[in-house]
Amino acid sequence: LPRGLILVTGPTGSGKTTTLASMINRINKTQKKH
């Protein structure tokens, strides 16, 4: 998506940071952005 708000939610230790990392990793590999 080019714009908008995406939230990853859950209790502490549920893997939120890891899920966000996988999303940033995908964007970094597939799009030319900052």
PDB file of all heavy atoms in Angstrom:
ATOM      1  N   LEU A   1       0.834  -1.204   0.000  1.00  0.00           N
ATOM      2  CA  LEU A   1       0.000   0.000   0.000  1.00  0.00           C
ATOM      3  C   LEU A   1       0.869   1.255   0.000  1.00  0.00           C
ATOM      4  O   LEU A   1       1.902   1.305   0.671  1.00  0.00           O
ATOM      5  CB  LEU A   1      -0.917   0.010   1.227  1.00  0.00           C
ATOM      6  CG  LEU A   1      -1.997  -1.070   1.279  1.00  0.00           C
ATOM      7  CD1 LEU A   1      -2.703  -1.046   2.632  1.00  0.00           C
ATOM      8  CD2 LEU A   1      -3.009  -0.865   0.152  1.00  0.00           C
ATOM      9  N   PRO A   2       0.465   2.293  -0.727  1.00  0.00           N
ATOM     10  CA  PRO A   2       1.281   3.511  -0.787  1.00  0.00           C
ATOM     11  C   PRO A   2       1.135   4.399   0.444  1.00  0.00           C
ATOM     12  O   PRO A   2       2.019   5.201   0.741  1.00  0.00           O
ATOM     13  CB  PRO A   2       0.747   4.221  -2.034  1.00  0.00           C
ATOM     14  CG  PRO A   2      -0.681   3.774  -2.136  1.00  0.00           C
ATOM     15  CD  PRO A   2      -0.686   2.357  -1.651  1.00  0.00           C
ATOM     16  N   ARG A   3       0.041   4.276   1.160  1.00  0.00           N
ATOM     17  CA  ARG A   3      -0.212   5.161   2.308  1.00  0.00           C
ATOM     18  C   ARG A   3      -1.197   4.498   3.266  1.00  0.00           C
ATOM     19  O   ARG A   3      -1.837   3.503   2.929  1.00  0.00           O
ATOM     20  CB  ARG A   3      -0.764   6.501   1.836  1.00  0.00           C
ATOM     21  CG  ARG A   3      -2.148   6.412   1.198  1.00  0.00           C
ATOM     22  CD  ARG A   3      -2.581   7.720   0.598  1.00  0.00           C
ATOM     23  NE  ARG A   3      -1.774   8.048  -0.558  1.00  0.00           N
ATOM     24  CZ  ARG A   3      -1.977   7.561  -1.779  1.00  0.00           C
ATOM     25  NH1 ARG A   3      -2.984   6.723  -1.993  1.00  0.00           N
ATOM     26  NH2 ARG A   3      -1.195   7.888  -2.775  1.00  0.00           N
ATOM     27  N   GLY A   4      -1.314   5.088   4.449  1.00  0.00           N
ATOM     28  CA  GLY A   4      -2.275   4.578   5.426  1.00  0.00           C
ATOM     29  C   GLY A   4      -1.592   4.108   6.695  1.00  0.00           C
ATOM     30  O   GLY A   4      -0.364   4.193   6.845  1.00  0.00           O
ATOM     31  N   LEU A   5      -2.391   3.608   7.625  1.00  0.00           N
ATOM     32  CA  LEU A   5      -1.915   3.149   8.930  1.00  0.00           C
ATOM     33  C   LEU A   5      -2.160   1.653   9.067  1.00  0.00           C
ATOM     34  O   LEU A   5      -3.280   1.178   8.868  1.00  0.00           O
ATOM     35  CB  LEU A   5      -2.652   3.904  10.041  1.00  0.00           C
ATOM     36  CG  LEU A   5      -2.351   3.503  11.490  1.00  0.00           C
ATOM     37  CD1 LEU A   5      -0.903   3.815  11.857  1.00  0.00           C
ATOM     38  CD2 LEU A   5      -3.319   4.215  12.451  1.00  0.00           C
ATOM     39  N   ILE A   6      -1.116   0.902   9.398  1.00  0.00           N
ATOM     40  CA  ILE A   6      -1.216  -0.534   9.640  1.00  0.00           C
ATOM     41  C   ILE A   6      -0.706  -0.801  11.047  1.00  0.00           C
ATOM     42  O   ILE A   6       0.408  -0.398  11.401  1.00  0.00           O
ATOM     43  CB  ILE A   6      -0.391  -1.346   8.623  1.00  0.00           C
ATOM     44  CG1 ILE A   6      -0.879  -1.072   7.196  1.00  0.00           C
ATOM     45  CG2 ILE A   6      -0.472  -2.841   8.930  1.00  0.00           C
ATOM     46  CD1 ILE A   6       0.017  -1.654   6.127  1.00  0.00           C
ATOM     47  N   LEU A   7      -1.516  -1.476  11.851  1.00  0.00           N
ATOM     48  CA  LEU A   7      -1.166  -1.737  13.242  1.00  0.00           C
ATOM     49  C   LEU A   7      -0.973  -3.230  13.482  1.00  0.00           C
ATOM     50  O   LEU A   7      -1.782  -4.047  13.030  1.00  0.00           O
ATOM     51  CB  LEU A   7      -2.255  -1.203  14.166  1.00  0.00           C
ATOM     52  CG  LEU A   7      -2.471   0.318  14.130  1.00  0.00           C
ATOM     53  CD1 LEU A   7      -3.683   0.697  14.967  1.00  0.00           C
ATOM     54  CD2 LEU A   7      -1.228   1.046  14.614  1.00  0.00           C
ATOM     55  N   VAL A   8       0.095  -3.570  14.186  1.00  0.00           N
ATOM     56  CA  VAL A   8       0.344  -4.938  14.623  1.00  0.00           C
ATOM     57  C   VAL A   8       0.118  -4.955  16.128  1.00  0.00           C
ATOM     58  O   VAL A   8       0.750  -4.192  16.866  1.00  0.00           O
ATOM     59  CB  VAL A   8       1.772  -5.399  14.285  1.00  0.00           C
ATOM     60  CG1 VAL A   8       1.999  -6.834  14.758  1.00  0.00           C
ATOM     61  CG2 VAL A   8       2.022  -5.295  12.779  1.00  0.00           C
ATOM     62  N   THR A   9      -0.794  -5.792  16.591  1.00  0.00           N
ATOM     63  CA  THR A   9      -1.177  -5.750  18.001  1.00  0.00           C
ATOM     64  C   THR A   9      -1.068  -7.120  18.653  1.00  0.00           C
ATOM     65  O   THR A   9      -0.991  -8.149  17.979  1.00  0.00           O
ATOM     66  CB  THR A   9      -2.621  -5.230  18.171  1.00  0.00           C
ATOM     67  OG1 THR A   9      -3.550  -6.279  17.843  1.00  0.00           O
ATOM     68  CG2 THR A   9      -2.903  -4.037  17.277  1.00  0.00           C
ATOM     69  N   GLY A  10      -1.082  -7.096  19.984  1.00  0.00           N
ATOM     70  CA  GLY A  10      -1.008  -8.337  20.741  1.00  0.00           C
ATOM     71  C   GLY A  10      -0.340  -8.090  22.076  1.00  0.00           C
ATOM     72  O   GLY A  10       0.233  -7.023  22.312  1.00  0.00           O
ATOM     73  N   PRO A  11      -0.383  -9.078  22.964  1.00  0.00           N
ATOM     74  CA  PRO A  11       0.265  -8.925  24.266  1.00  0.00           C
ATOM     75  C   PRO A  11       1.782  -8.921  24.142  1.00  0.00           C
ATOM     76  O   PRO A  11       2.341  -9.252  23.087  1.00  0.00           O
ATOM     77  CB  PRO A  11      -0.225 -10.154  25.047  1.00  0.00           C
ATOM     78  CG  PRO A  11      -0.560 -11.163  23.992  1.00  0.00           C
ATOM     79  CD  PRO A  11      -1.063 -10.376  22.827  1.00  0.00           C
ATOM     80  N   THR A  12       2.458  -8.545  25.212  1.00  0.00           N
ATOM     81  CA  THR A  12       3.921  -8.574  25.250  1.00  0.00           C
ATOM     82  C   THR A  12       4.421  -9.981  24.941  1.00  0.00           C
ATOM     83  O   THR A  12       3.904 -10.967  25.462  1.00  0.00           O
ATOM     84  CB  THR A  12       4.424  -8.138  26.635  1.00  0.00           C
ATOM     85  OG1 THR A  12       3.966  -6.813  26.895  1.00  0.00           O
ATOM     86  CG2 THR A  12       5.935  -8.167  26.708  1.00  0.00           C
ATOM     87  N   GLY A  13       5.428 -10.065  24.062  1.00  0.00           N
ATOM     88  CA  GLY A  13       6.006 -11.364  23.734  1.00  0.00           C
ATOM     89  C   GLY A  13       5.255 -12.161  22.699  1.00  0.00           C
ATOM     90  O   GLY A  13       5.531 -13.344  22.499  1.00  0.00           O
ATOM     91  N   SER A  14       4.308 -11.520  21.995  1.00  0.00           N
ATOM     92  CA  SER A  14       3.515 -12.246  20.996  1.00  0.00           C
ATOM     93  C   SER A  14       4.129 -12.188  19.598  1.00  0.00           C
ATOM     94  O   SER A  14       3.576 -12.771  18.668  1.00  0.00           O
ATOM     95  CB  SER A  14       2.090 -11.690  20.953  1.00  0.00           C
ATOM     96  OG  SER A  14       2.092 -10.312  20.617  1.00  0.00           O
ATOM     97  N   GLY A  15       5.258 -11.482  19.448  1.00  0.00           N
ATOM     98  CA  GLY A  15       5.932 -11.450  18.149  1.00  0.00           C
ATOM     99  C   GLY A  15       5.620 -10.242  17.294  1.00  0.00           C
ATOM    100  O   GLY A  15       5.852 -10.262  16.080  1.00  0.00           O
ATOM    101  N   LYS A  16       5.121  -9.169  17.899  1.00  0.00           N
ATOM    102  CA  LYS A  16       4.754  -7.971  17.125  1.00  0.00           C
ATOM    103  C   LYS A  16       5.961  -7.385  16.399  1.00  0.00           C
ATOM    104  O   LYS A  16       5.891  -7.064  15.205  1.00  0.00           O
ATOM    105  CB  LYS A  16       4.155  -6.905  18.050  1.00  0.00           C
ATOM    106  CG  LYS A  16       2.870  -7.302  18.740  1.00  0.00           C
ATOM    107  CD  LYS A  16       2.262  -6.171  19.540  1.00  0.00           C
ATOM    108  CE  LYS A  16       3.122  -5.730  20.696  1.00  0.00           C
ATOM    109  NZ  LYS A  16       3.290  -6.774  21.729  1.00  0.00           N
ATOM    110  N   THR A  17       7.079  -7.245  17.117  1.00  0.00           N
ATOM    111  CA  THR A  17       8.287  -6.659  16.525  1.00  0.00           C
ATOM    112  C   THR A  17       8.795  -7.514  15.370  1.00  0.00           C
ATOM    113  O   THR A  17       9.235  -6.992  14.339  1.00  0.00           O
ATOM    114  CB  THR A  17       9.380  -6.508  17.596  1.00  0.00           C
ATOM    115  OG1 THR A  17       8.899  -5.659  18.646  1.00  0.00           O
ATOM    116  CG2 THR A  17      10.636  -5.885  17.008  1.00  0.00           C
ATOM    117  N   THR A  18       8.720  -8.827  15.521  1.00  0.00           N
ATOM    118  CA  THR A  18       9.193  -9.734  14.474  1.00  0.00           C
ATOM    119  C   THR A  18       8.317  -9.625  13.227  1.00  0.00           C
ATOM    120  O   THR A  18       8.822  -9.632  12.091  1.00  0.00           O
ATOM    121  CB  THR A  18       9.210 -11.176  14.997  1.00  0.00           C
ATOM    122  OG1 THR A  18      10.002 -11.235  16.187  1.00  0.00           O
ATOM    123  CG2 THR A  18       9.806 -12.123  13.965  1.00  0.00           C
ATOM    124  N   THR A  19       7.012  -9.519  13.425  1.00  0.00           N
ATOM    125  CA  THR A  19       6.105  -9.345  12.287  1.00  0.00           C
ATOM    126  C   THR A  19       6.389  -8.027  11.563  1.00  0.00           C
ATOM    127  O   THR A  19       6.455  -7.989  10.327  1.00  0.00           O
ATOM    128  CB  THR A  19       4.641  -9.390  12.763  1.00  0.00           C
ATOM    129  OG1 THR A  19       4.365 -10.698  13.259  1.00  0.00           O
ATOM    130  CG2 THR A  19       3.681  -9.072  11.623  1.00  0.00           C
ATOM    131  N   LEU A  20       6.566  -6.949  12.324  1.00  0.00           N
ATOM    132  CA  LEU A  20       6.917  -5.664  11.705  1.00  0.00           C
ATOM    133  C   LEU A  20       8.215  -5.773  10.919  1.00  0.00           C
ATOM    134  O   LEU A  20       8.340  -5.220   9.821  1.00  0.00           O
ATOM    135  CB  LEU A  20       7.055  -4.579  12.778  1.00  0.00           C
ATOM    136  CG  LEU A  20       5.777  -3.935  13.302  1.00  0.00           C
ATOM    137  CD1 LEU A  20       6.116  -2.934  14.394  1.00  0.00           C
ATOM    138  CD2 LEU A  20       5.002  -3.241  12.188  1.00  0.00           C
ATOM    139  N   ALA A  21       9.194  -6.495  11.483  1.00  0.00           N
ATOM    140  CA  ALA A  21      10.483  -6.658  10.800  1.00  0.00           C
ATOM    141  C   ALA A  21      10.314  -7.369   9.462  1.00  0.00           C
ATOM    142  O   ALA A  21      10.954  -7.016   8.461  1.00  0.00           O
ATOM    143  CB  ALA A  21      11.454  -7.427  11.693  1.00  0.00           C
ATOM    144  N   SER A  22       9.441  -8.378   9.429  1.00  0.00           N
ATOM    145  CA  SER A  22       9.213  -9.094   8.166  1.00  0.00           C
ATOM    146  C   SER A  22       8.568  -8.178   7.125  1.00  0.00           C
ATOM    147  O   SER A  22       8.853  -8.297   5.920  1.00  0.00           O
ATOM    148  CB  SER A  22       8.333 -10.329   8.403  1.00  0.00           C
ATOM    149  OG  SER A  22       6.980  -9.972   8.674  1.00  0.00           O
ATOM    150  N   MET A  23       7.736  -7.248   7.570  1.00  0.00           N
ATOM    151  CA  MET A  23       7.076  -6.319   6.656  1.00  0.00           C
ATOM    152  C   MET A  23       8.066  -5.291   6.116  1.00  0.00           C
ATOM    153  O   MET A  23       8.098  -5.006   4.904  1.00  0.00           O
ATOM    154  CB  MET A  23       5.909  -5.634   7.354  1.00  0.00           C
ATOM    155  CG  MET A  23       4.810  -6.602   7.784  1.00  0.00           C
ATOM    156  SD  MET A  23       3.533  -5.862   8.820  1.00  0.00           S
ATOM    157  CE  MET A  23       2.651  -4.870   7.595  1.00  0.00           C
ATOM    158  N   ILE A  24       8.909  -4.738   6.994  1.00  0.00           N
ATOM    159  CA  ILE A  24       9.941  -3.799   6.547  1.00  0.00           C
ATOM    160  C   ILE A  24      10.922  -4.504   5.607  1.00  0.00           C
ATOM    161  O   ILE A  24      11.366  -3.950   4.592  1.00  0.00           O
ATOM    162  CB  ILE A  24      10.682  -3.198   7.753  1.00  0.00           C
ATOM    163  CG1 ILE A  24       9.746  -2.306   8.575  1.00  0.00           C
ATOM    164  CG2 ILE A  24      11.899  -2.392   7.298  1.00  0.00           C
ATOM    165  CD1 ILE A  24       9.247  -1.072   7.861  1.00  0.00           C
ATOM    166  N   ASN A  25      11.250  -5.741   5.929  1.00  0.00           N
ATOM    167  CA  ASN A  25      12.159  -6.529   5.093  1.00  0.00           C
ATOM    168  C   ASN A  25      11.590  -6.693   3.684  1.00  0.00           C
ATOM    169  O   ASN A  25      12.314  -6.550   2.686  1.00  0.00           O
ATOM    170  CB  ASN A  25      12.376  -7.897   5.740  1.00  0.00           C
ATOM    171  CG  ASN A  25      13.479  -8.696   5.092  1.00  0.00           C
ATOM    172  OD1 ASN A  25      14.374  -8.162   4.444  1.00  0.00           O
ATOM    173  ND2 ASN A  25      13.429 -10.011   5.258  1.00  0.00           N
ATOM    174  N   ARG A  26      10.293  -6.973   3.590  1.00  0.00           N
ATOM    175  CA  ARG A  26       9.666  -7.121   2.272  1.00  0.00           C
ATOM    176  C   ARG A  26       9.706  -5.809   1.499  1.00  0.00           C
ATOM    177  O   ARG A  26      10.054  -5.783   0.312  1.00  0.00           O
ATOM    178  CB  ARG A  26       8.222  -7.597   2.415  1.00  0.00           C
ATOM    179  CG  ARG A  26       7.490  -7.600   1.065  1.00  0.00           C
ATOM    180  CD  ARG A  26       6.031  -7.925   1.162  1.00  0.00           C
ATOM    181  NE  ARG A  26       5.339  -7.558  -0.061  1.00  0.00           N
ATOM    182  CZ  ARG A  26       5.325  -8.273  -1.187  1.00  0.00           C
ATOM    183  NH1 ARG A  26       5.988  -9.409  -1.243  1.00  0.00           N
ATOM    184  NH2 ARG A  26       4.659  -7.860  -2.260  1.00  0.00           N
ATOM    185  N   ILE A  27       9.336  -4.717   2.152  1.00  0.00           N
ATOM    186  CA  ILE A  27       9.332  -3.417   1.476  1.00  0.00           C
ATOM    187  C   ILE A  27      10.735  -3.068   0.986  1.00  0.00           C
ATOM    188  O   ILE A  27      10.924  -2.601  -0.144  1.00  0.00           O
ATOM    189  CB  ILE A  27       8.790  -2.323   2.422  1.00  0.00           C
ATOM    190  CG1 ILE A  27       7.320  -2.586   2.752  1.00  0.00           C
ATOM    191  CG2 ILE A  27       8.938  -0.932   1.786  1.00  0.00           C
ATOM    192  CD1 ILE A  27       6.765  -1.705   3.856  1.00  0.00           C
ATOM    193  N   ASN A  28      11.729  -3.337   1.823  1.00  0.00           N
ATOM    194  CA  ASN A  28      13.124  -3.035   1.488  1.00  0.00           C
ATOM    195  C   ASN A  28      13.606  -3.820   0.272  1.00  0.00           C
ATOM    196  O   ASN A  28      14.434  -3.351  -0.501  1.00  0.00           O
ATOM    197  CB  ASN A  28      14.009  -3.342   2.696  1.00  0.00           C
ATOM    198  CG  ASN A  28      15.422  -2.802   2.564  1.00  0.00           C
ATOM    199  OD1 ASN A  28      15.681  -1.887   1.785  1.00  0.00           O
ATOM    200  ND2 ASN A  28      16.328  -3.367   3.336  1.00  0.00           N
ATOM    201  N   LYS A  29      13.060  -5.027   0.098  1.00  0.00           N
ATOM    202  CA  LYS A  29      13.490  -5.886  -1.007  1.00  0.00           C
ATOM    203  C   LYS A  29      12.701  -5.668  -2.292  1.00  0.00           C
ATOM    204  O   LYS A  29      13.155  -6.080  -3.376  1.00  0.00           O
ATOM    205  CB  LYS A  29      13.371  -7.363  -0.600  1.00  0.00           C
ATOM    206  CG  LYS A  29      14.371  -7.812   0.450  1.00  0.00           C
ATOM    207  CD  LYS A  29      14.154  -9.278   0.812  1.00  0.00           C
ATOM    208  CE  LYS A  29      15.144  -9.762   1.853  1.00  0.00           C
ATOM    209  NZ  LYS A  29      16.530  -9.762   1.354  1.00  0.00           N
ATOM    210  N   THR A  30      11.526  -5.036  -2.201  1.00  0.00           N
ATOM    211  CA  THR A  30      10.646  -4.990  -3.370  1.00  0.00           C
ATOM    212  C   THR A  30      10.291  -3.588  -3.862  1.00  0.00           C
ATOM    213  O   THR A  30       9.729  -3.450  -4.945  1.00  0.00           O
ATOM    214  CB  THR A  30       9.319  -5.725  -3.057  1.00  0.00           C
ATOM    215  OG1 THR A  30       8.668  -5.085  -1.946  1.00  0.00           O
ATOM    216  CG2 THR A  30       9.569  -7.193  -2.730  1.00  0.00           C
ATOM    217  N   GLN A  31      10.612  -2.551  -3.078  1.00  0.00           N
ATOM    218  CA  GLN A  31      10.210  -1.201  -3.461  1.00  0.00           C
ATOM    219  C   GLN A  31      11.375  -0.226  -3.320  1.00  0.00           C
ATOM    220  O   GLN A  31      12.282  -0.446  -2.531  1.00  0.00           O
ATOM    221  CB  GLN A  31       9.037  -0.733  -2.585  1.00  0.00           C
ATOM    222  CG  GLN A  31       7.826  -1.655  -2.645  1.00  0.00           C
ATOM    223  CD  GLN A  31       6.708  -1.217  -1.712  1.00  0.00           C
ATOM    224  OE1 GLN A  31       6.368  -0.043  -1.646  1.00  0.00           O
ATOM    225  NE2 GLN A  31       6.138  -2.167  -0.978  1.00  0.00           N
ATOM    226  N   LYS A  32      11.327   0.844  -4.089  1.00  0.00           N
ATOM    227  CA  LYS A  32      12.368   1.874  -4.033  1.00  0.00           C
ATOM    228  C   LYS A  32      11.822   3.061  -3.236  1.00  0.00           C
ATOM    229  O   LYS A  32      11.225   3.978  -3.802  1.00  0.00           O
ATOM    230  CB  LYS A  32      12.771   2.292  -5.447  1.00  0.00           C
ATOM    231  CG  LYS A  32      13.398   1.156  -6.250  1.00  0.00           C
ATOM    232  CD  LYS A  32      13.745   1.589  -7.669  1.00  0.00           C
ATOM    233  CE  LYS A  32      14.357   0.435  -8.462  1.00  0.00           C
ATOM    234  NZ  LYS A  32      14.680   0.840  -9.862  1.00  0.00           N
ATOM    235  N   LYS A  33      12.046   3.013  -1.927  1.00  0.00           N
ATOM    236  CA  LYS A  33      11.463   4.016  -1.049  1.00  0.00           C
ATOM    237  C   LYS A  33      12.426   4.413   0.070  1.00  0.00           C
ATOM    238  O   LYS A  33      13.506   3.823   0.212  1.00  0.00           O
ATOM    239  CB  LYS A  33      10.155   3.484  -0.451  1.00  0.00           C
ATOM    240  CG  LYS A  33       9.059   3.294  -1.489  1.00  0.00           C
ATOM    241  CD  LYS A  33       7.721   2.951  -0.868  1.00  0.00           C
ATOM    242  CE  LYS A  33       6.624   2.914  -1.931  1.00  0.00           C
ATOM    243  NZ  LYS A  33       5.295   2.633  -1.367  1.00  0.00           N
ATOM    244  N   HIS A  34      12.014   5.414   0.838  1.00  0.00           N
ATOM    245  CA  HIS A  34      12.778   5.835   2.016  1.00  0.00           C
ATOM    246  C   HIS A  34      12.005   5.390   3.260  1.00  0.00           C
ATOM    247  O   HIS A  34      10.864   5.811   3.470  1.00  0.00           O
ATOM    248  CB  HIS A  34      12.961   7.359   2.024  1.00  0.00           C
ATOM    249  CG  HIS A  34      13.697   7.857   3.238  1.00  0.00           C
ATOM    250  ND1 HIS A  34      13.594   9.157   3.693  1.00  0.00           N
ATOM    251  CD2 HIS A  34      14.555   7.229   4.092  1.00  0.00           C
ATOM    252  CE1 HIS A  34      14.348   9.307   4.768  1.00  0.00           C
ATOM    253  NE2 HIS A  34      14.944   8.154   5.027  1.00  0.00           N
TER     254      HIS A  34
END
